[in-house]
Amino acid sequence: MNTTAVARLKASLSKYLAQVKGGEEILITERGKPVAKLVPLARDASLFPTHLLDLERAGLVRLGTGRLPDDFWKMRRPRDSKARALKALLAEREEGR
């Protein structure tokens, strides 16, 4: 959990809100004493289309949290020697999605 003073929070609110949207909790202090905590809201089912919620209930998909693993950008990219991802992207563009 990150900790910040009220003054820093006021000066960089957007930065801290982005962290909360990413799943972090922020403890807010005033003169070194905790006074509040910013926490992400529970996932609201109305934010997702019903067909995705149905697929999640069936165990076919897992809806994301919006948070990437800490080492995401250091992970090795998977090999795609047959360029399947590129072909799928180009096909979607061709369909006009």
PDB file of N, CA and C in Angstrom:
ATOM      1  N   MET A   1       0.845  -1.165   0.000  1.00  0.00           N
ATOM      2  CA  MET A   1       0.000   0.000   0.000  1.00  0.00           C
ATOM      3  C   MET A   1       0.896   1.236   0.000  1.00  0.00           C
ATOM      4  N   ASN A   2       0.595   2.171  -0.887  1.00  0.00           N
ATOM      5  CA  ASN A   2       1.340   3.426  -0.950  1.00  0.00           C
ATOM      6  C   ASN A   2       0.825   4.392   0.109  1.00  0.00           C
ATOM      7  N   THR A   3       1.695   5.254   0.561  1.00  0.00           N
ATOM      8  CA  THR A   3       1.331   6.275   1.540  1.00  0.00           C
ATOM      9  C   THR A   3       1.708   7.629   0.978  1.00  0.00           C
ATOM     10  N   THR A   4       0.847   8.616   1.177  1.00  0.00           N
ATOM     11  CA  THR A   4       1.148   9.975   0.730  1.00  0.00           C
ATOM     12  C   THR A   4       0.515  10.991   1.669  1.00  0.00           C
ATOM     13  N   ALA A   5       1.124  12.156   1.723  1.00  0.00           N
ATOM     14  CA  ALA A   5       0.592  13.255   2.527  1.00  0.00           C
ATOM     15  C   ALA A   5      -0.509  13.967   1.747  1.00  0.00           C
ATOM     16  N   VAL A   6      -1.384  14.634   2.465  1.00  0.00           N
ATOM     17  CA  VAL A   6      -2.497  15.347   1.837  1.00  0.00           C
ATOM     18  C   VAL A   6      -1.986  16.337   0.791  1.00  0.00           C
ATOM     19  N   ALA A   7      -0.935  17.086   1.113  1.00  0.00           N
ATOM     20  CA  ALA A   7      -0.402  18.081   0.182  1.00  0.00           C
ATOM     21  C   ALA A   7       0.070  17.437  -1.120  1.00  0.00           C
ATOM     22  N   ARG A   8       0.766  16.306  -1.021  1.00  0.00           N
ATOM     23  CA  ARG A   8       1.220  15.601  -2.230  1.00  0.00           C
ATOM     24  C   ARG A   8       0.043  15.047  -3.010  1.00  0.00           C
ATOM     25  N   LEU A   9      -0.963  14.556  -2.301  1.00  0.00           N
ATOM     26  CA  LEU A   9      -2.156  14.047  -2.970  1.00  0.00           C
ATOM     27  C   LEU A   9      -2.832  15.161  -3.763  1.00  0.00           C
ATOM     28  N   LYS A  10      -2.976  16.323  -3.157  1.00  0.00           N
ATOM     29  CA  LYS A  10      -3.595  17.451  -3.837  1.00  0.00           C
ATOM     30  C   LYS A  10      -2.799  17.874  -5.064  1.00  0.00           C
ATOM     31  N   ALA A  11      -1.492  17.833  -4.969  1.00  0.00           N
ATOM     32  CA  ALA A  11      -0.633  18.260  -6.073  1.00  0.00           C
ATOM     33  C   ALA A  11      -0.602  17.250  -7.218  1.00  0.00           C
ATOM     34  N   SER A  12      -0.844  15.973  -6.915  1.00  0.00           N
ATOM     35  CA  SER A  12      -0.721  14.917  -7.933  1.00  0.00           C
ATOM     36  C   SER A  12      -1.921  13.979  -7.915  1.00  0.00           C
ATOM     37  N   LEU A  13      -3.108  14.535  -7.809  1.00  0.00           N
ATOM     38  CA  LEU A  13      -4.302  13.699  -7.680  1.00  0.00           C
ATOM     39  C   LEU A  13      -4.460  12.730  -8.850  1.00  0.00           C
ATOM     40  N   SER A  14      -4.229  13.193 -10.066  1.00  0.00           N
ATOM     41  CA  SER A  14      -4.387  12.316 -11.237  1.00  0.00           C
ATOM     42  C   SER A  14      -3.488  11.089 -11.155  1.00  0.00           C
ATOM     43  N   LYS A  15      -2.261  11.314 -10.713  1.00  0.00           N
ATOM     44  CA  LYS A  15      -1.307  10.207 -10.591  1.00  0.00           C
ATOM     45  C   LYS A  15      -1.818   9.162  -9.587  1.00  0.00           C
ATOM     46  N   TYR A  16      -2.310   9.634  -8.447  1.00  0.00           N
ATOM     47  CA  TYR A  16      -2.784   8.710  -7.425  1.00  0.00           C
ATOM     48  C   TYR A  16      -4.080   8.021  -7.853  1.00  0.00           C
ATOM     49  N   LEU A  17      -4.950   8.731  -8.549  1.00  0.00           N
ATOM     50  CA  LEU A  17      -6.174   8.090  -9.045  1.00  0.00           C
ATOM     51  C   LEU A  17      -5.848   6.996 -10.061  1.00  0.00           C
ATOM     52  N   ALA A  18      -4.837   7.226 -10.880  1.00  0.00           N
ATOM     53  CA  ALA A  18      -4.420   6.187 -11.834  1.00  0.00           C
ATOM     54  C   ALA A  18      -3.937   4.949 -11.095  1.00  0.00           C
ATOM     55  N   GLN A  19      -3.224   5.138  -9.998  1.00  0.00           N
ATOM     56  CA  GLN A  19      -2.766   3.995  -9.207  1.00  0.00           C
ATOM     57  C   GLN A  19      -3.953   3.246  -8.601  1.00  0.00           C
ATOM     58  N   VAL A  20      -4.942   3.984  -8.110  1.00  0.00           N
ATOM     59  CA  VAL A  20      -6.121   3.349  -7.518  1.00  0.00           C
ATOM     60  C   VAL A  20      -6.903   2.592  -8.587  1.00  0.00           C
ATOM     61  N   LYS A  21      -7.026   3.186  -9.768  1.00  0.00           N
ATOM     62  CA  LYS A  21      -7.708   2.490 -10.869  1.00  0.00           C
ATOM     63  C   LYS A  21      -6.989   1.192 -11.216  1.00  0.00           C
ATOM     64  N   GLY A  22      -5.676   1.178 -11.009  1.00  0.00           N
ATOM     65  CA  GLY A  22      -4.874  -0.011 -11.271  1.00  0.00           C
ATOM     66  C   GLY A  22      -4.915  -1.032 -10.149  1.00  0.00           C
ATOM     67  N   GLY A  23      -5.702  -0.757  -9.097  1.00  0.00           N
ATOM     68  CA  GLY A  23      -5.851  -1.731  -8.023  1.00  0.00           C
ATOM     69  C   GLY A  23      -5.093  -1.411  -6.747  1.00  0.00           C
ATOM     70  N   GLU A  24      -4.295  -0.349  -6.744  1.00  0.00           N
ATOM     71  CA  GLU A  24      -3.529   0.018  -5.557  1.00  0.00           C
ATOM     72  C   GLU A  24      -4.416   0.680  -4.507  1.00  0.00           C
ATOM     73  N   GLU A  25      -3.987   0.611  -3.261  1.00  0.00           N
ATOM     74  CA  GLU A  25      -4.618   1.359  -2.185  1.00  0.00           C
ATOM     75  C   GLU A  25      -3.644   2.444  -1.748  1.00  0.00           C
ATOM     76  N   ILE A  26      -4.166   3.621  -1.456  1.00  0.00           N
ATOM     77  CA  ILE A  26      -3.336   4.753  -1.053  1.00  0.00           C
ATOM     78  C   ILE A  26      -3.751   5.181   0.349  1.00  0.00           C
ATOM     79  N   LEU A  27      -2.815   5.173   1.282  1.00  0.00           N
ATOM     80  CA  LEU A  27      -3.055   5.654   2.638  1.00  0.00           C
ATOM     81  C   LEU A  27      -2.672   7.137   2.665  1.00  0.00           C
ATOM     82  N   ILE A  28      -3.594   7.988   3.101  1.00  0.00           N
ATOM     83  CA  ILE A  28      -3.378   9.429   3.114  1.00  0.00           C
ATOM     84  C   ILE A  28      -3.089   9.864   4.545  1.00  0.00           C
ATOM     85  N   THR A  29      -2.006  10.618   4.690  1.00  0.00           N
ATOM     86  CA  THR A  29      -1.608  11.054   6.024  1.00  0.00           C
ATOM     87  C   THR A  29      -1.641  12.575   6.118  1.00  0.00           C
ATOM     88  N   GLU A  30      -1.830  13.040   7.335  1.00  0.00           N
ATOM     89  CA  GLU A  30      -1.758  14.465   7.624  1.00  0.00           C
ATOM     90  C   GLU A  30      -0.869  14.627   8.850  1.00  0.00           C
ATOM     91  N   ARG A  31       0.222  15.340   8.658  1.00  0.00           N
ATOM     92  CA  ARG A  31       1.221  15.488   9.717  1.00  0.00           C
ATOM     93  C   ARG A  31       1.701  14.129  10.236  1.00  0.00           C
ATOM     94  N   GLY A  32       1.842  13.192   9.312  1.00  0.00           N
ATOM     95  CA  GLY A  32       2.372  11.882   9.657  1.00  0.00           C
ATOM     96  C   GLY A  32       1.372  10.891  10.218  1.00  0.00           C
ATOM     97  N   LYS A  33       0.118  11.306  10.395  1.00  0.00           N
ATOM     98  CA  LYS A  33      -0.895  10.396  10.953  1.00  0.00           C
ATOM     99  C   LYS A  33      -1.908  10.030   9.877  1.00  0.00           C
ATOM    100  N   PRO A  34      -2.252   8.747   9.774  1.00  0.00           N
ATOM    101  CA  PRO A  34      -3.235   8.324   8.774  1.00  0.00           C
ATOM    102  C   PRO A  34      -4.599   8.979   9.018  1.00  0.00           C
ATOM    103  N   VAL A  35      -5.195   9.499   7.931  1.00  0.00           N
ATOM    104  CA  VAL A  35      -6.515  10.123   8.050  1.00  0.00           C
ATOM    105  C   VAL A  35      -7.541   9.518   7.089  1.00  0.00           C
ATOM    106  N   ALA A  36      -7.075   8.882   6.008  1.00  0.00           N
ATOM    107  CA  ALA A  36      -8.014   8.320   5.038  1.00  0.00           C
ATOM    108  C   ALA A  36      -7.295   7.281   4.183  1.00  0.00           C
ATOM    109  N   LYS A  37      -8.096   6.536   3.442  1.00  0.00           N
ATOM    110  CA  LYS A  37      -7.535   5.548   2.530  1.00  0.00           C
ATOM    111  C   LYS A  37      -8.328   5.610   1.224  1.00  0.00           C
ATOM    112  N   LEU A  38      -7.620   5.699   0.093  1.00  0.00           N
ATOM    113  CA  LEU A  38      -8.245   5.598  -1.221  1.00  0.00           C
ATOM    114  C   LEU A  38      -8.152   4.152  -1.666  1.00  0.00           C
ATOM    115  N   VAL A  39      -9.289   3.556  -1.950  1.00  0.00           N
ATOM    116  CA  VAL A  39      -9.312   2.162  -2.389  1.00  0.00           C
ATOM    117  C   VAL A  39     -10.132   2.052  -3.671  1.00  0.00           C
ATOM    118  N   PRO A  40      -9.804   1.111  -4.537  1.00  0.00           N
ATOM    119  CA  PRO A  40     -10.600   0.941  -5.750  1.00  0.00           C
ATOM    120  C   PRO A  40     -11.997   0.441  -5.399  1.00  0.00           C
ATOM    121  N   LEU A  41     -12.967   0.865  -6.182  1.00  0.00           N
ATOM    122  CA  LEU A  41     -14.325   0.379  -5.993  1.00  0.00           C
ATOM    123  C   LEU A  41     -14.419  -1.077  -6.427  1.00  0.00           C
ATOM    124  N   ALA A  42     -15.351  -1.790  -5.829  1.00  0.00           N
ATOM    125  CA  ALA A  42     -15.590  -3.168  -6.260  1.00  0.00           C
ATOM    126  C   ALA A  42     -16.041  -3.140  -7.717  1.00  0.00           C
ATOM    127  N   ARG A  43     -15.715  -4.169  -8.438  1.00  0.00           N
ATOM    128  CA  ARG A  43     -16.076  -4.221  -9.859  1.00  0.00           C
ATOM    129  C   ARG A  43     -17.579  -4.131 -10.022  1.00  0.00           C
ATOM    130  N   ASP A  44     -18.017  -3.198 -10.827  1.00  0.00           N
ATOM    131  CA  ASP A  44     -19.430  -2.966 -11.070  1.00  0.00           C
ATOM    132  C   ASP A  44     -19.855  -3.770 -12.293  1.00  0.00           C
ATOM    133  N   ALA A  45     -20.806  -4.659 -12.108  1.00  0.00           N
ATOM    134  CA  ALA A  45     -21.249  -5.518 -13.206  1.00  0.00           C
ATOM    135  C   ALA A  45     -21.824  -4.707 -14.354  1.00  0.00           C
ATOM    136  N   SER A  46     -22.316  -3.505 -14.092  1.00  0.00           N
ATOM    137  CA  SER A  46     -22.898  -2.706 -15.163  1.00  0.00           C
ATOM    138  C   SER A  46     -21.837  -2.170 -16.126  1.00  0.00           C
ATOM    139  N   LEU A  47     -20.561  -2.281 -15.755  1.00  0.00           N
ATOM    140  CA  LEU A  47     -19.497  -1.813 -16.633  1.00  0.00           C
ATOM    141  C   LEU A  47     -19.189  -2.801 -17.750  1.00  0.00           C
ATOM    142  N   PHE A  48     -19.655  -4.028 -17.627  1.00  0.00           N
ATOM    143  CA  PHE A  48     -19.341  -5.063 -18.596  1.00  0.00           C
ATOM    144  C   PHE A  48     -20.597  -5.475 -19.358  1.00  0.00           C
ATOM    145  N   PRO A  49     -20.454  -5.744 -20.649  1.00  0.00           N
ATOM    146  CA  PRO A  49     -21.601  -6.255 -21.405  1.00  0.00           C
ATOM    147  C   PRO A  49     -22.076  -7.588 -20.818  1.00  0.00           C
ATOM    148  N   THR A  50     -23.372  -7.836 -20.892  1.00  0.00           N
ATOM    149  CA  THR A  50     -23.931  -9.040 -20.275  1.00  0.00           C
ATOM    150  C   THR A  50     -23.352 -10.316 -20.880  1.00  0.00           C
ATOM    151  N   HIS A  51     -23.043 -10.301 -22.174  1.00  0.00           N
ATOM    152  CA  HIS A  51     -22.504 -11.529 -22.776  1.00  0.00           C
ATOM    153  C   HIS A  51     -21.139 -11.880 -22.176  1.00  0.00           C
ATOM    154  N   LEU A  52     -20.344 -10.861 -21.802  1.00  0.00           N
ATOM    155  CA  LEU A  52     -19.061 -11.159 -21.159  1.00  0.00           C
ATOM    156  C   LEU A  52     -19.262 -11.702 -19.751  1.00  0.00           C
ATOM    157  N   LEU A  53     -20.222 -11.155 -19.045  1.00  0.00           N
ATOM    158  CA  LEU A  53     -20.515 -11.670 -17.701  1.00  0.00           C
ATOM    159  C   LEU A  53     -21.009 -13.113 -17.769  1.00  0.00           C
ATOM    160  N   ASP A  54     -21.823 -13.425 -18.795  1.00  0.00           N
ATOM    161  CA  ASP A  54     -22.293 -14.804 -18.980  1.00  0.00           C
ATOM    162  C   ASP A  54     -21.116 -15.744 -19.254  1.00  0.00           C
ATOM    163  N   LEU A  55     -20.174 -15.299 -20.086  1.00  0.00           N
ATOM    164  CA  LEU A  55     -19.005 -16.122 -20.386  1.00  0.00           C
ATOM    165  C   LEU A  55     -18.132 -16.314 -19.145  1.00  0.00           C
ATOM    166  N   GLU A  56     -18.041 -15.275 -18.313  1.00  0.00           N
ATOM    167  CA  GLU A  56     -17.258 -15.404 -17.087  1.00  0.00           C
ATOM    168  C   GLU A  56     -17.919 -16.404 -16.142  1.00  0.00           C
ATOM    169  N   ARG A  57     -19.236 -16.327 -16.003  1.00  0.00           N
ATOM    170  CA  ARG A  57     -19.951 -17.275 -15.132  1.00  0.00           C
ATOM    171  C   ARG A  57     -19.786 -18.716 -15.613  1.00  0.00           C
ATOM    172  N   ALA A  58     -19.700 -18.872 -16.941  1.00  0.00           N
ATOM    173  CA  ALA A  58     -19.524 -20.209 -17.514  1.00  0.00           C
ATOM    174  C   ALA A  58     -18.078 -20.693 -17.403  1.00  0.00           C
ATOM    175  N   GLY A  59     -17.190 -19.822 -16.960  1.00  0.00           N
ATOM    176  CA  GLY A  59     -15.796 -20.210 -16.814  1.00  0.00           C
ATOM    177  C   GLY A  59     -15.014 -20.175 -18.106  1.00  0.00           C
ATOM    178  N   LEU A  60     -15.536 -19.493 -19.125  1.00  0.00           N
ATOM    179  CA  LEU A  60     -14.869 -19.463 -20.419  1.00  0.00           C
ATOM    180  C   LEU A  60     -13.917 -18.282 -20.572  1.00  0.00           C
ATOM    181  N   VAL A  61     -14.146 -17.217 -19.831  1.00  0.00           N
ATOM    182  CA  VAL A  61     -13.242 -16.065 -19.855  1.00  0.00           C
ATOM    183  C   VAL A  61     -13.026 -15.584 -18.428  1.00  0.00           C
ATOM    184  N   ARG A  62     -11.986 -14.821 -18.251  1.00  0.00           N
ATOM    185  CA  ARG A  62     -11.736 -14.179 -16.969  1.00  0.00           C
ATOM    186  C   ARG A  62     -11.612 -12.683 -17.231  1.00  0.00           C
ATOM    187  N   LEU A  63     -12.503 -11.907 -16.655  1.00  0.00           N
ATOM    188  CA  LEU A  63     -12.479 -10.467 -16.865  1.00  0.00           C
ATOM    189  C   LEU A  63     -11.293  -9.869 -16.125  1.00  0.00           C
ATOM    190  N   GLY A  64     -10.628  -8.943 -16.759  1.00  0.00           N
ATOM    191  CA  GLY A  64      -9.449  -8.340 -16.185  1.00  0.00           C
ATOM    192  C   GLY A  64      -9.765  -7.378 -15.053  1.00  0.00           C
ATOM    193  N   THR A  65      -8.745  -7.079 -14.307  1.00  0.00           N
ATOM    194  CA  THR A  65      -8.886  -6.150 -13.194  1.00  0.00           C
ATOM    195  C   THR A  65      -8.422  -4.763 -13.585  1.00  0.00           C
ATOM    196  N   GLY A  66      -7.784  -4.645 -14.725  1.00  0.00           N
ATOM    197  CA  GLY A  66      -7.226  -3.371 -15.131  1.00  0.00           C
ATOM    198  C   GLY A  66      -5.817  -3.165 -14.624  1.00  0.00           C
ATOM    199  N   ARG A  67      -5.279  -4.126 -13.908  1.00  0.00           N
ATOM    200  CA  ARG A  67      -3.944  -4.010 -13.333  1.00  0.00           C
ATOM    201  C   ARG A  67      -3.010  -5.001 -14.024  1.00  0.00           C
ATOM    202  N   LEU A  68      -1.870  -4.507 -14.468  1.00  0.00           N
ATOM    203  CA  LEU A  68      -0.854  -5.359 -15.070  1.00  0.00           C
ATOM    204  C   LEU A  68       0.100  -5.845 -13.990  1.00  0.00           C
ATOM    205  N   PRO A  69       0.672  -7.027 -14.166  1.00  0.00           N
ATOM    206  CA  PRO A  69       1.689  -7.477 -13.204  1.00  0.00           C
ATOM    207  C   PRO A  69       2.851  -6.490 -13.169  1.00  0.00           C
ATOM    208  N   ASP A  70       3.514  -6.367 -12.034  1.00  0.00           N
ATOM    209  CA  ASP A  70       4.603  -5.406 -11.870  1.00  0.00           C
ATOM    210  C   ASP A  70       5.713  -5.593 -12.901  1.00  0.00           C
ATOM    211  N   ASP A  71       5.977  -6.820 -13.296  1.00  0.00           N
ATOM    212  CA  ASP A  71       7.069  -7.080 -14.236  1.00  0.00           C
ATOM    213  C   ASP A  71       6.581  -7.238 -15.678  1.00  0.00           C
ATOM    214  N   PHE A  72       5.390  -6.761 -15.982  1.00  0.00           N
ATOM    215  CA  PHE A  72       4.791  -6.973 -17.302  1.00  0.00           C
ATOM    216  C   PHE A  72       5.702  -6.516 -18.437  1.00  0.00           C
ATOM    217  N   TRP A  73       6.261  -5.308 -18.351  1.00  0.00           N
ATOM    218  CA  TRP A  73       7.052  -4.767 -19.449  1.00  0.00           C
ATOM    219  C   TRP A  73       8.421  -5.430 -19.551  1.00  0.00           C
ATOM    220  N   LYS A  74       8.807  -6.222 -18.569  1.00  0.00           N
ATOM    221  CA  LYS A  74      10.087  -6.930 -18.628  1.00  0.00           C
ATOM    222  C   LYS A  74       9.908  -8.365 -19.125  1.00  0.00           C
ATOM    223  N   MET A  75       8.663  -8.802 -19.257  1.00  0.00           N
ATOM    224  CA  MET A  75       8.395 -10.177 -19.693  1.00  0.00           C
ATOM    225  C   MET A  75       8.804 -10.360 -21.152  1.00  0.00           C
ATOM    226  N   ARG A  76       9.230 -11.561 -21.476  1.00  0.00           N
ATOM    227  CA  ARG A  76       9.575 -11.877 -22.859  1.00  0.00           C
ATOM    228  C   ARG A  76       8.309 -11.965 -23.689  1.00  0.00           C
ATOM    229  N   ARG A  77       8.378 -11.452 -24.893  1.00  0.00           N
ATOM    230  CA  ARG A  77       7.232 -11.560 -25.793  1.00  0.00           C
ATOM    231  C   ARG A  77       7.164 -12.988 -26.330  1.00  0.00           C
ATOM    232  N   PRO A  78       5.965 -13.543 -26.448  1.00  0.00           N
ATOM    233  CA  PRO A  78       5.858 -14.890 -27.016  1.00  0.00           C
ATOM    234  C   PRO A  78       6.214 -14.877 -28.501  1.00  0.00           C
ATOM    235  N   ARG A  79       6.767 -15.962 -28.968  1.00  0.00           N
ATOM    236  CA  ARG A  79       7.119 -16.088 -30.388  1.00  0.00           C
ATOM    237  C   ARG A  79       5.851 -16.346 -31.199  1.00  0.00           C
ATOM    238  N   ASP A  80       5.796 -15.717 -32.347  1.00  0.00           N
ATOM    239  CA  ASP A  80       4.677 -15.905 -33.274  1.00  0.00           C
ATOM    240  C   ASP A  80       5.264 -16.087 -34.661  1.00  0.00           C
ATOM    241  N   SER A  81       5.950 -17.219 -34.848  1.00  0.00           N
ATOM    242  CA  SER A  81       6.698 -17.442 -36.082  1.00  0.00           C
ATOM    243  C   SER A  81       5.801 -17.508 -37.321  1.00  0.00           C
ATOM    244  N   LYS A  82       4.535 -17.834 -37.129  1.00  0.00           N
ATOM    245  CA  LYS A  82       3.617 -17.909 -38.272  1.00  0.00           C
ATOM    246  C   LYS A  82       2.820 -16.612 -38.447  1.00  0.00           C
ATOM    247  N   ALA A  83       3.130 -15.588 -37.657  1.00  0.00           N
ATOM    248  CA  ALA A  83       2.503 -14.264 -37.742  1.00  0.00           C
ATOM    249  C   ALA A  83       0.987 -14.334 -37.606  1.00  0.00           C
ATOM    250  N   ARG A  84       0.507 -15.217 -36.739  1.00  0.00           N
ATOM    251  CA  ARG A  84      -0.946 -15.362 -36.557  1.00  0.00           C
ATOM    252  C   ARG A  84      -1.585 -14.096 -35.990  1.00  0.00           C
ATOM    253  N   ALA A  85      -0.907 -13.436 -35.057  1.00  0.00           N
ATOM    254  CA  ALA A  85      -1.468 -12.216 -34.465  1.00  0.00           C
ATOM    255  C   ALA A  85      -1.603 -11.131 -35.522  1.00  0.00           C
ATOM    256  N   LEU A  86      -0.584 -10.967 -36.354  1.00  0.00           N
ATOM    257  CA  LEU A  86      -0.648  -9.970 -37.418  1.00  0.00           C
ATOM    258  C   LEU A  86      -1.765 -10.296 -38.403  1.00  0.00           C
ATOM    259  N   LYS A  87      -1.885 -11.555 -38.768  1.00  0.00           N
ATOM    260  CA  LYS A  87      -2.940 -11.961 -39.703  1.00  0.00           C
ATOM    261  C   LYS A  87      -4.327 -11.704 -39.116  1.00  0.00           C
ATOM    262  N   ALA A  88      -4.499 -11.990 -37.826  1.00  0.00           N
ATOM    263  CA  ALA A  88      -5.791 -11.748 -37.182  1.00  0.00           C
ATOM    264  C   ALA A  88      -6.096 -10.250 -37.139  1.00  0.00           C
ATOM    265  N   LEU A  89      -5.098  -9.439 -36.842  1.00  0.00           N
ATOM    266  CA  LEU A  89      -5.276  -7.990 -36.813  1.00  0.00           C
ATOM    267  C   LEU A  89      -5.677  -7.468 -38.190  1.00  0.00           C
ATOM    268  N   LEU A  90      -4.968  -7.895 -39.216  1.00  0.00           N
ATOM    269  CA  LEU A  90      -5.276  -7.443 -40.572  1.00  0.00           C
ATOM    270  C   LEU A  90      -6.656  -7.907 -41.015  1.00  0.00           C
ATOM    271  N   ALA A  91      -7.045  -9.117 -40.605  1.00  0.00           N
ATOM    272  CA  ALA A  91      -8.378  -9.617 -40.952  1.00  0.00           C
ATOM    273  C   ALA A  91      -9.462  -8.778 -40.275  1.00  0.00           C
ATOM    274  N   GLU A  92      -9.250  -8.403 -39.025  1.00  0.00           N
ATOM    275  CA  GLU A  92     -10.217  -7.555 -38.318  1.00  0.00           C
ATOM    276  C   GLU A  92     -10.328  -6.202 -38.987  1.00  0.00           C
ATOM    277  N   ARG A  93      -9.206  -5.645 -39.392  1.00  0.00           N
ATOM    278  CA  ARG A  93      -9.239  -4.352 -40.067  1.00  0.00           C
ATOM    279  C   ARG A  93      -9.981  -4.459 -41.403  1.00  0.00           C
ATOM    280  N   GLU A  94      -9.783  -5.561 -42.080  1.00  0.00           N
ATOM    281  CA  GLU A  94     -10.443  -5.793 -43.358  1.00  0.00           C
ATOM    282  C   GLU A  94     -11.963  -5.874 -43.168  1.00  0.00           C
ATOM    283  N   GLU A  95     -12.408  -6.494 -42.069  1.00  0.00           N
ATOM    284  CA  GLU A  95     -13.838  -6.625 -41.766  1.00  0.00           C
ATOM    285  C   GLU A  95     -14.449  -5.310 -41.311  1.00  0.00           C
ATOM    286  N   GLY A  96     -13.605  -4.372 -40.891  1.00  0.00           N
ATOM    287  CA  GLY A  96     -14.100  -3.077 -40.441  1.00  0.00           C
ATOM    288  C   GLY A  96     -14.545  -3.055 -38.998  1.00  0.00           C
ATOM    289  N   ARG A  97     -14.024  -3.909 -38.166  1.00  0.00           N
ATOM    290  CA  ARG A  97     -14.402  -3.946 -36.747  1.00  0.00           C
ATOM    291  C   ARG A  97     -13.937  -2.746 -36.018  1.00  0.00           C
TER     292      ARG A  97
END
